[in-house]
Amino acid sequence: MNTVWVIDDDRSIRWVFEKALSREQIAHATFPSATEALNHLQVEQPQVIVSDIRMPGESGLALLELVKRDWPQIPVIIMTAHSDLDSAVSAFQGGAFEYLPKPFDLDQAIALIRRALQESEQLSDQPEPAANVPEMLGQAPAMQEVFRAIGRLSQSAATVMITGESGSGKELVARALHRHSQRANKPFVAINSAAIPKDLLESELFGHERGAFTGADARRVGRFEQAEGGTLFLDEIGDMPLDLQTRLLRVLSDGFFYRVGGHQPIKANVRVIAATHQNLEDRVKAGQFREDLFHRLNVIRLRLPALRERSQDIPLLAKHFLQKSAQDLGVESKRLSDAAMAWLASFPFPGNVRQLENVCHWITVMAPGQVVEAADLPPELIQSEGHLNLPLGDWRQALSQELTLRLTRGDARILDEIMPAFERTVIEAALIHTGGKRIEAAELLGWGRNTLTRKIQELGMDETV
């Protein structure tokens, strides 16, 4: 079987690829037109196709469309001497593995073909079927405890306070509490206290009567009335102004409220779930949050762990978000290589689950190919300092991931950079431990003093240690 097909009406391009692929011992075939290649596709299929974009007869884009329709597992590399925006966009919209403008570096072209071959093999090994995914995902013990709490609360209408960092999924938990409660067939209404100006928040919560203030041309129903019989989710409750905290406390205590400008009490049959990323105890001590309201809201507290606290869930969540992004965009879901998944799992994700979801959407749109390598991840992940979130003692795993990334990226002479950096780190740590005493540091490292001095000179550390 010819694993690579090269299609180009330029005989010299075909000749260059024939020589290069033969030298690399990669089985191949070349075709002067897309029409001829399409005829052969009915008999056998290659692992990778490299095609020019503009040729007599069928174009490379037409070929790409037919291949992606009938043989979607074959990566197609589109090349062209017409390096214009329209060609590039058309190629990627058609599902091209990569876009290769002419003239190209032959070594880079061969490296790209090898990568496409690798992806073709991975895709053919075990395609992942799309599965129905539950509303919330998590295998980590901390998330299992959240799931158990949601289960226990399914028969209760108790007020719940959800705490956790921004982006950790507090609204998802609130929705799950509502969905698994006896109020599930009634409305779920959410409001973010930090996102609405103070002057409008009262009206948003309680509604207003016509003429209550300038611009109130008609009666407005507030969120409490909208959530009648159901659940009202008050997100970022810690940012609620103190005067509104007083009104909210009265509603929770008495079960009644008044519209702004109104005189008729309205009964509130609503379950309240609040959430915050702040420490409310500290805000109570600082006089920024009412203590009595805090105790009213803090009947049941659920703490949602940060993503870095449940890094074992990252692969599960990443697969889910990649499938979701692909479904939203109407494209085939991408897969993360083991190295890329390991890199993601080691990243601390300060933006929590929301940041991981955004990363997966970026990958779906921007990463080349269907199998995503570590080097294809967003630059801010690859270039971040101290990204590894590994337990003490896992420095070998961290080193392995760093090497995997560099190898995937195609770096050369890796040890020339890593070994000096390793020695520099070891020397600096030893000298910090000994307070700069070189003899003691040398003994701790198992070197003689002269060896340590020579290493410091070779590494250009004389001025820093």
Protein backbone atom coordinates (compact mmCIF):
# COMPACT_ATOMS: atom_id res chain seq x y z
CA MET A 1 0.00 0.00 0.00
CA ASN A 2 1.26 3.50 -0.89
CA THR A 3 0.93 5.35 2.40
CA VAL A 4 1.43 8.86 0.97
CA TRP A 5 -0.04 10.28 -2.24
CA VAL A 6 1.37 13.46 -3.75
CA ILE A 7 -0.84 15.23 -6.31
CA ASP A 8 0.60 18.10 -8.32
CA ASP A 9 0.60 19.00 -12.00
CA ASP A 10 4.17 20.32 -11.61
CA ARG A 11 6.50 17.42 -12.49
CA SER A 12 9.42 18.96 -10.59
CA ILE A 13 7.40 19.06 -7.35
CA ARG A 14 6.46 15.40 -7.77
CA TRP A 15 10.10 14.52 -8.41
CA VAL A 16 11.28 16.34 -5.27
CA PHE A 17 8.73 14.51 -3.13
CA GLU A 18 9.56 11.16 -4.74
CA LYS A 19 13.26 11.56 -3.87
CA ALA A 20 12.60 12.80 -0.34
CA LEU A 21 10.00 10.14 0.49
CA SER A 22 12.20 7.37 -0.95
CA ARG A 23 15.10 8.61 1.17
CA GLU A 24 12.83 8.47 4.24
CA GLN A 25 11.61 4.98 3.21
CA ILE A 26 7.99 6.12 3.10
CA ALA A 27 5.87 4.27 0.55
CA HIS A 28 4.32 6.71 -1.86
CA ALA A 29 2.68 7.37 -5.20
CA THR A 30 2.40 10.57 -7.25
CA PHE A 31 -0.35 11.81 -9.55
CA PRO A 32 -0.39 14.69 -12.06
CA SER A 33 -4.08 15.48 -11.46
CA ALA A 34 -6.78 15.22 -8.83
CA THR A 35 -8.99 13.35 -11.32
CA GLU A 36 -6.46 10.53 -11.65
CA ALA A 37 -6.02 10.33 -7.89
CA LEU A 38 -9.79 10.18 -7.35
CA ASN A 39 -10.04 7.25 -9.75
CA HIS A 40 -7.42 5.37 -7.73
CA LEU A 41 -9.24 6.18 -4.48
CA GLN A 42 -12.04 3.86 -5.54
CA VAL A 43 -9.55 0.98 -5.50
CA GLU A 44 -7.26 1.81 -2.57
CA GLN A 45 -6.85 4.58 -0.04
CA PRO A 46 -3.60 6.10 1.22
CA GLN A 47 -2.87 7.15 4.77
CA VAL A 48 -2.05 10.76 3.80
CA ILE A 49 -2.71 12.95 0.75
CA VAL A 50 -0.57 15.95 -0.21
CA SER A 51 -2.27 17.95 -2.95
CA ASP A 52 -1.72 21.16 -4.86
CA ILE A 53 -4.66 23.53 -4.72
CA ARG A 54 -4.76 24.70 -8.37
CA MET A 55 -4.46 22.13 -11.17
CA PRO A 56 -6.10 21.49 -14.53
CA GLY A 57 -9.38 19.67 -14.07
CA GLU A 58 -10.48 19.03 -10.49
CA SER A 59 -8.92 21.46 -8.00
CA GLY A 60 -7.27 20.50 -4.77
CA LEU A 61 -10.19 21.98 -2.84
CA ALA A 62 -12.66 19.85 -4.80
CA LEU A 63 -10.51 16.81 -4.04
CA LEU A 64 -10.44 17.80 -0.37
CA GLU A 65 -14.23 18.03 -0.27
CA LEU A 66 -14.69 14.58 -1.80
CA VAL A 67 -12.07 12.94 0.43
CA LYS A 68 -13.54 14.47 3.59
CA ARG A 69 -16.99 13.30 2.55
CA ASP A 70 -16.13 9.70 1.73
CA TRP A 71 -12.85 9.04 3.59
CA PRO A 72 -12.80 11.52 6.51
CA GLN A 73 -10.04 9.60 8.29
CA ILE A 74 -7.44 10.52 5.62
CA PRO A 75 -5.46 13.68 6.51
CA VAL A 76 -5.13 16.01 3.51
CA ILE A 77 -2.28 18.54 3.29
CA ILE A 78 -3.05 21.34 0.86
CA MET A 79 -0.13 23.15 -0.83
CA THR A 80 -0.14 26.10 -3.17
CA ALA A 81 2.10 28.75 -4.66
CA HIS A 82 -0.79 31.21 -4.28
CA SER A 83 -0.34 32.13 -0.63
CA ASP A 84 -3.45 34.24 -0.27
CA LEU A 85 -5.95 34.46 2.54
CA ASP A 86 -8.85 33.01 0.54
CA SER A 87 -6.89 29.84 -0.28
CA ALA A 88 -5.86 29.30 3.34
CA VAL A 89 -9.36 29.89 4.68
CA SER A 90 -10.93 27.63 2.05
CA ALA A 91 -8.45 24.86 2.85
CA PHE A 92 -9.14 24.92 6.57
CA GLN A 93 -12.89 25.28 6.11
CA GLY A 94 -12.75 22.17 3.96
CA GLY A 95 -11.08 20.20 6.74
CA ALA A 96 -7.44 20.27 5.58
CA PHE A 97 -4.90 18.83 7.99
CA GLU A 98 -2.51 21.66 7.22
CA TYR A 99 -1.87 24.39 4.65
CA LEU A 100 1.60 24.35 3.05
CA PRO A 101 2.54 27.46 1.05
CA LYS A 102 5.13 27.17 -1.73
CA PRO A 103 8.06 27.42 -1.73
CA PHE A 104 8.39 25.24 1.36
CA ASP A 105 11.26 23.78 3.33
CA LEU A 106 11.45 20.13 2.31
CA ASP A 107 12.48 18.91 5.77
CA GLN A 108 9.49 20.69 7.28
CA ALA A 109 7.21 19.20 4.64
CA ILE A 110 8.46 15.68 5.41
CA ALA A 111 8.04 16.32 9.16
CA LEU A 112 4.47 17.44 8.47
CA ILE A 113 3.80 14.29 6.45
CA ARG A 114 5.18 12.12 9.25
CA ARG A 115 2.90 13.82 11.70
CA ALA A 116 -0.09 13.30 9.40
CA LEU A 117 0.88 9.61 9.12
CA GLN A 118 1.00 9.35 12.88
CA GLU A 119 -2.43 10.92 13.19
CA SER A 120 -3.84 8.62 10.52
CA GLU A 121 -2.60 5.59 12.46
CA GLN A 122 -3.99 6.90 15.75
CA LEU A 123 -7.39 7.64 14.25
CA SER A 124 -7.62 4.21 12.67
CA ASP A 125 -6.65 2.41 15.87
CA GLN A 126 -9.65 3.22 17.99
CA PRO A 127 -12.16 5.87 17.01
CA GLU A 128 -13.94 7.32 20.03
CA PRO A 129 -17.71 7.18 19.78
CA ALA A 130 -19.62 10.17 21.06
CA ALA A 131 -21.26 9.30 24.34
CA ASN A 132 -24.09 10.80 26.29
CA VAL A 133 -22.41 12.85 29.01
CA PRO A 134 -24.03 13.57 32.38
CA GLU A 135 -24.75 17.14 33.44
CA MET A 136 -21.73 17.26 35.77
CA LEU A 137 -18.48 15.32 35.59
CA GLY A 138 -15.95 14.45 38.26
CA GLN A 139 -14.21 11.36 39.60
CA ALA A 140 -12.16 13.19 42.24
CA PRO A 141 -13.21 12.54 45.87
CA ALA A 142 -14.01 16.23 46.40
CA MET A 143 -16.46 16.21 43.47
CA GLN A 144 -18.00 12.91 44.57
CA GLU A 145 -18.73 14.58 47.90
CA VAL A 146 -20.50 17.41 46.02
CA PHE A 147 -22.55 14.83 44.11
CA ARG A 148 -23.51 13.09 47.36
CA ALA A 149 -24.59 16.41 48.87
CA ILE A 150 -26.78 17.17 45.83
CA GLY A 151 -28.35 13.74 46.27
CA ARG A 152 -29.02 14.30 49.97
CA LEU A 153 -30.56 17.70 49.25
CA SER A 154 -32.88 16.38 46.55
CA GLN A 155 -35.73 16.01 49.07
CA SER A 156 -35.05 19.33 50.83
CA ALA A 157 -35.90 22.95 50.10
CA ALA A 158 -33.19 24.25 52.44
CA THR A 159 -31.25 27.38 51.53
CA VAL A 160 -27.79 26.48 50.15
CA MET A 161 -24.59 28.51 50.02
CA ILE A 162 -22.13 27.42 47.31
CA THR A 163 -18.55 28.61 47.72
CA GLY A 164 -15.68 28.23 45.27
CA GLU A 165 -13.32 30.14 43.03
CA SER A 166 -14.53 31.96 39.93
CA GLY A 167 -15.00 29.58 37.02
CA SER A 168 -15.29 26.47 39.18
CA GLY A 169 -18.90 25.76 38.13
CA LYS A 170 -21.04 27.12 40.96
CA GLU A 171 -24.01 27.82 38.70
CA LEU A 172 -23.86 24.25 37.38
CA VAL A 173 -24.21 23.01 40.96
CA ALA A 174 -27.11 25.40 41.57
CA ARG A 175 -28.87 24.15 38.44
CA ALA A 176 -28.26 20.54 39.50
CA LEU A 177 -29.73 21.26 42.94
CA HIS A 178 -32.83 22.69 41.24
CA ARG A 179 -33.09 19.91 38.64
CA HIS A 180 -32.98 17.22 41.32
CA SER A 181 -35.37 18.96 43.70
CA GLN A 182 -39.13 18.83 44.09
CA ARG A 183 -39.23 22.26 42.38
CA ALA A 184 -37.69 20.94 39.14
CA ASN A 185 -40.83 21.65 37.09
CA LYS A 186 -40.82 25.31 38.18
CA PRO A 187 -38.51 28.13 36.99
CA PHE A 188 -34.79 28.38 37.72
CA VAL A 189 -33.85 32.08 37.71
CA ALA A 190 -30.27 33.33 38.09
CA ILE A 191 -28.96 36.81 38.83
CA ASN A 192 -25.35 37.96 39.26
CA SER A 193 -25.14 40.59 41.98
CA ALA A 194 -21.77 41.81 40.73
CA ALA A 195 -22.87 42.23 37.10
CA ILE A 196 -25.80 44.62 37.67
CA PRO A 197 -25.35 48.28 38.70
CA LYS A 198 -26.37 49.00 42.27
CA ASP A 199 -29.13 51.41 41.14
CA LEU A 200 -30.78 48.69 39.05
CA LEU A 201 -30.22 45.66 41.26
CA GLU A 202 -33.14 46.35 43.61
CA SER A 203 -35.56 46.62 40.70
CA GLU A 204 -34.08 43.49 39.11
CA LEU A 205 -34.66 41.50 42.31
CA PHE A 206 -38.03 42.80 43.47
CA GLY A 207 -39.52 44.53 40.41
CA HIS A 208 -41.06 48.00 40.44
CA GLU A 209 -44.38 49.73 40.06
CA ARG A 210 -45.14 52.16 37.28
CA GLY A 211 -43.86 55.63 38.17
CA ALA A 212 -41.64 54.36 40.98
CA PHE A 213 -38.73 56.32 39.52
CA THR A 214 -37.78 58.21 36.36
CA GLY A 215 -38.08 55.86 33.41
CA ALA A 216 -40.41 53.38 35.16
CA ASP A 217 -43.08 53.62 32.49
CA ALA A 218 -44.69 50.28 33.32
CA ARG A 219 -44.83 47.72 36.11
CA ARG A 220 -41.87 45.34 36.09
CA VAL A 221 -41.85 41.85 37.53
CA GLY A 222 -38.62 41.10 39.42
CA ARG A 223 -36.59 37.91 39.71
CA PHE A 224 -38.33 36.81 42.90
CA GLU A 225 -41.69 36.79 41.11
CA GLN A 226 -40.20 35.18 38.00
CA ALA A 227 -38.90 32.31 40.16
CA GLU A 228 -42.24 31.75 41.90
CA GLY A 229 -42.44 28.14 43.06
CA GLY A 230 -38.93 27.44 41.80
CA THR A 231 -35.35 28.42 42.59
CA LEU A 232 -33.64 31.82 42.67
CA PHE A 233 -29.87 31.64 42.27
CA LEU A 234 -28.04 34.68 43.69
CA ASP A 235 -24.54 34.53 42.25
CA GLU A 236 -21.70 36.59 43.77
CA ILE A 237 -23.86 37.39 46.80
CA GLY A 238 -20.81 38.89 48.53
CA ASP A 239 -20.99 41.89 46.19
CA MET A 240 -24.57 42.78 47.09
CA PRO A 241 -24.87 46.32 48.55
CA LEU A 242 -25.64 46.52 52.29
CA ASP A 243 -29.03 48.20 51.86
CA LEU A 244 -30.15 45.41 49.55
CA GLN A 245 -28.80 42.83 51.96
CA THR A 246 -31.30 44.24 54.50
CA ARG A 247 -34.20 43.82 52.06
CA LEU A 248 -33.10 40.31 51.15
CA LEU A 249 -32.87 39.37 54.83
CA ARG A 250 -36.44 40.57 55.35
CA VAL A 251 -37.67 38.41 52.48
CA LEU A 252 -35.89 35.34 53.84
CA SER A 253 -37.21 36.02 57.35
CA ASP A 254 -40.81 37.03 56.61
CA GLY A 255 -41.44 35.39 53.24
CA PHE A 256 -42.81 38.65 51.79
CA PHE A 257 -41.39 41.51 49.72
CA TYR A 258 -42.53 44.77 48.10
CA ARG A 259 -41.90 45.98 44.58
CA VAL A 260 -39.99 49.25 44.37
CA GLY A 261 -42.61 51.96 44.82
CA GLY A 262 -45.22 49.38 45.86
CA HIS A 263 -47.30 49.11 49.03
CA GLN A 264 -48.82 45.66 48.59
CA PRO A 265 -46.82 42.76 50.13
CA ILE A 266 -46.10 39.88 47.77
CA LYS A 267 -45.52 36.37 49.09
CA ALA A 268 -42.23 34.80 48.00
CA ASN A 269 -42.48 31.05 47.46
CA VAL A 270 -38.90 30.65 46.29
CA ARG A 271 -35.93 28.50 47.26
CA VAL A 272 -32.81 30.63 47.46
CA ILE A 273 -29.38 29.30 46.48
CA ALA A 274 -26.50 31.74 46.89
CA ALA A 275 -22.91 31.56 45.67
CA THR A 276 -19.71 33.48 46.17
CA HIS A 277 -16.00 33.26 45.46
CA GLN A 278 -15.28 35.49 48.45
CA ASN A 279 -14.76 34.63 52.11
CA LEU A 280 -18.02 35.89 53.63
CA GLU A 281 -16.76 35.45 57.19
CA ASP A 282 -14.01 37.97 56.42
CA ARG A 283 -16.52 40.34 54.84
CA VAL A 284 -18.74 40.05 57.92
CA LYS A 285 -15.78 40.96 60.15
CA ALA A 286 -14.98 43.92 57.87
CA GLY A 287 -18.57 45.17 58.12
CA GLN A 288 -19.18 44.58 54.40
CA PHE A 289 -21.74 41.79 54.81
CA ARG A 290 -24.55 41.45 57.34
CA GLU A 291 -23.89 38.73 59.87
CA ASP A 292 -27.57 37.89 60.26
CA LEU A 293 -27.96 37.49 56.48
CA PHE A 294 -24.85 35.33 56.39
CA HIS A 295 -26.38 32.93 58.91
CA ARG A 296 -29.68 32.92 56.98
CA LEU A 297 -27.91 31.95 53.77
CA ASN A 298 -25.38 29.60 55.31
CA VAL A 299 -27.88 26.87 56.24
CA ILE A 300 -26.18 24.28 54.04
CA ARG A 301 -22.74 25.04 52.62
CA LEU A 302 -21.29 23.31 49.59
CA ARG A 303 -17.66 23.98 48.75
CA LEU A 304 -16.79 23.43 45.12
CA PRO A 305 -13.11 22.49 44.68
CA ALA A 306 -10.82 24.38 42.33
CA LEU A 307 -9.79 22.46 39.21
CA ARG A 308 -6.17 22.21 40.41
CA GLU A 309 -7.51 20.30 43.44
CA ARG A 310 -9.04 17.67 41.18
CA SER A 311 -6.57 17.50 38.33
CA GLN A 312 -7.48 13.83 37.78
CA ASP A 313 -10.76 15.11 36.34
CA ILE A 314 -9.05 17.19 33.64
CA PRO A 315 -8.87 14.38 31.00
CA LEU A 316 -12.55 13.57 31.52
CA LEU A 317 -13.57 17.22 31.32
CA ALA A 318 -11.30 17.94 28.35
CA LYS A 319 -12.84 15.11 26.30
CA HIS A 320 -16.31 16.36 27.18
CA PHE A 321 -15.55 19.98 26.24
CA LEU A 322 -13.87 18.94 22.97
CA GLN A 323 -16.96 16.93 22.02
CA LYS A 324 -19.21 19.83 23.03
CA SER A 325 -17.21 22.37 21.01
CA ALA A 326 -17.17 20.10 17.98
CA GLN A 327 -20.92 19.59 18.24
CA ASP A 328 -21.54 23.33 18.58
CA LEU A 329 -19.38 24.07 15.52
CA GLY A 330 -20.61 21.13 13.47
CA VAL A 331 -17.15 19.59 13.05
CA GLU A 332 -15.45 16.34 14.00
CA SER A 333 -14.24 16.19 17.60
CA LYS A 334 -10.48 16.47 18.09
CA ARG A 335 -8.42 14.18 20.28
CA LEU A 336 -5.54 15.00 22.60
CA SER A 337 -2.36 12.94 22.38
CA ASP A 338 -1.05 11.44 25.62
CA ALA A 339 1.61 14.17 25.81
CA ALA A 340 -0.93 16.96 25.27
CA MET A 341 -3.29 15.46 27.85
CA ALA A 342 -0.43 15.15 30.37
CA TRP A 343 0.49 18.78 29.75
CA LEU A 344 -3.12 19.90 30.32
CA ALA A 345 -3.40 17.78 33.46
CA SER A 346 -0.29 19.44 34.90
CA PHE A 347 -1.49 23.01 34.27
CA PRO A 348 -2.87 24.79 37.38
CA PHE A 349 -5.80 26.46 35.52
CA PRO A 350 -6.29 29.63 37.59
CA GLY A 351 -9.53 30.17 35.66
CA ASN A 352 -10.73 26.70 36.68
CA VAL A 353 -13.26 24.72 34.62
CA ARG A 354 -14.29 27.78 32.61
CA GLN A 355 -10.68 28.26 31.47
CA LEU A 356 -10.38 24.59 30.49
CA GLU A 357 -13.59 24.87 28.47
CA ASN A 358 -12.21 27.95 26.67
CA VAL A 359 -8.94 26.11 25.96
CA CYS A 360 -10.85 23.18 24.44
CA HIS A 361 -12.85 25.56 22.25
CA TRP A 362 -9.57 27.18 21.11
CA ILE A 363 -8.17 23.74 20.29
CA THR A 364 -11.27 22.84 18.26
CA VAL A 365 -10.94 25.99 16.18
CA MET A 366 -7.18 26.57 15.96
CA ALA A 367 -5.21 23.34 16.45
CA PRO A 368 -4.12 21.61 13.20
CA GLY A 369 -5.18 18.04 12.59
CA GLN A 370 -7.52 15.80 14.53
CA VAL A 371 -4.95 14.51 17.01
CA VAL A 372 -3.62 17.44 19.02
CA GLU A 373 -0.03 17.37 20.27
CA ALA A 374 1.38 19.32 23.22
CA ALA A 375 3.00 21.84 20.87
CA ASP A 376 -0.46 22.63 19.41
CA LEU A 377 -1.87 23.85 22.72
CA PRO A 378 -2.53 27.59 23.21
CA PRO A 379 0.72 29.59 23.56
CA GLU A 380 -0.22 30.87 27.01
CA LEU A 381 -0.27 27.29 28.30
CA ILE A 382 2.99 26.23 26.66
CA GLN A 383 4.92 29.37 27.54
CA SER A 384 3.65 29.77 31.10
CA GLU A 385 6.14 29.62 33.93
CA GLY A 386 5.69 27.02 36.64
CA HIS A 387 2.79 25.36 34.89
CA LEU A 388 3.37 21.97 36.43
CA ASN A 389 1.10 21.09 39.32
CA LEU A 390 2.69 17.83 40.40
CA PRO A 391 3.03 16.35 43.89
CA LEU A 392 6.41 16.57 45.57
CA GLY A 393 8.65 13.82 44.22
CA ASP A 394 7.23 13.86 40.70
CA TRP A 395 10.11 15.88 39.24
CA ARG A 396 10.91 13.02 36.85
CA GLN A 397 7.37 13.18 35.47
CA ALA A 398 7.73 16.95 35.09
CA LEU A 399 11.03 16.46 33.26
CA SER A 400 9.48 13.78 31.06
CA GLN A 401 6.62 16.10 30.09
CA GLU A 402 9.06 18.91 29.29
CA LEU A 403 11.12 16.58 27.07
CA THR A 404 7.99 15.27 25.37
CA LEU A 405 6.90 18.81 24.58
CA ARG A 406 10.29 19.73 23.11
CA LEU A 407 10.48 16.54 21.04
CA THR A 408 6.95 17.09 19.74
CA ARG A 409 7.85 20.67 18.88
CA GLY A 410 10.82 19.43 16.85
CA ASP A 411 13.53 21.02 19.03
CA ALA A 412 17.11 19.89 18.37
CA ARG A 413 20.11 19.47 20.72
CA ILE A 414 17.78 19.42 23.70
CA LEU A 415 20.39 18.38 26.24
CA ASP A 416 22.56 21.35 25.32
CA GLU A 417 19.90 23.56 26.92
CA ILE A 418 18.45 21.31 29.61
CA MET A 419 21.67 20.04 31.23
CA PRO A 420 23.16 23.51 32.00
CA ALA A 421 19.76 24.64 33.32
CA PHE A 422 19.60 21.52 35.52
CA GLU A 423 23.10 22.07 36.92
CA ARG A 424 22.43 25.76 37.51
CA THR A 425 19.27 24.94 39.47
CA VAL A 426 21.08 22.33 41.59
CA ILE A 427 23.98 24.70 42.39
CA GLU A 428 21.69 27.60 43.25
CA ALA A 429 19.60 25.43 45.58
CA ALA A 430 22.70 24.06 47.34
CA LEU A 431 24.24 27.51 47.82
CA ILE A 432 20.96 28.92 49.14
CA HIS A 433 20.81 26.04 51.63
CA THR A 434 24.38 26.66 52.84
CA GLY A 435 24.11 30.41 52.87
CA GLY A 436 26.60 30.77 50.03
CA LYS A 437 29.31 28.53 51.55
CA ARG A 438 30.79 26.79 48.54
CA ILE A 439 32.77 24.10 50.40
CA GLU A 440 29.64 22.90 52.21
CA ALA A 441 27.58 23.10 49.02
CA ALA A 442 30.16 21.04 47.11
CA GLU A 443 30.14 18.36 49.83
CA LEU A 444 26.34 18.17 49.79
CA LEU A 445 26.38 17.74 46.00
CA GLY A 446 29.13 15.14 46.08
CA TRP A 447 31.63 17.34 44.25
CA GLY A 448 35.02 18.69 45.17
CA ARG A 449 35.37 22.42 45.73
CA ASN A 450 37.32 22.82 42.48
CA THR A 451 34.58 21.04 40.53
CA LEU A 452 31.94 23.37 41.94
CA THR A 453 34.07 26.43 41.17
CA ARG A 454 34.65 25.22 37.60
CA LYS A 455 30.93 24.57 37.08
CA ILE A 456 30.06 28.04 38.37
CA GLN A 457 32.53 29.57 35.92
CA GLU A 458 31.33 27.46 32.97
CA LEU A 459 27.72 28.41 33.67
CA GLY A 460 28.54 32.11 34.00
CA MET A 461 27.25 32.21 37.57
CA ASP A 462 30.17 34.11 39.14
CA GLU A 463 28.22 37.33 39.40
CA THR A 464 25.04 35.78 40.76
CA VAL A 465 26.34 33.41 43.48
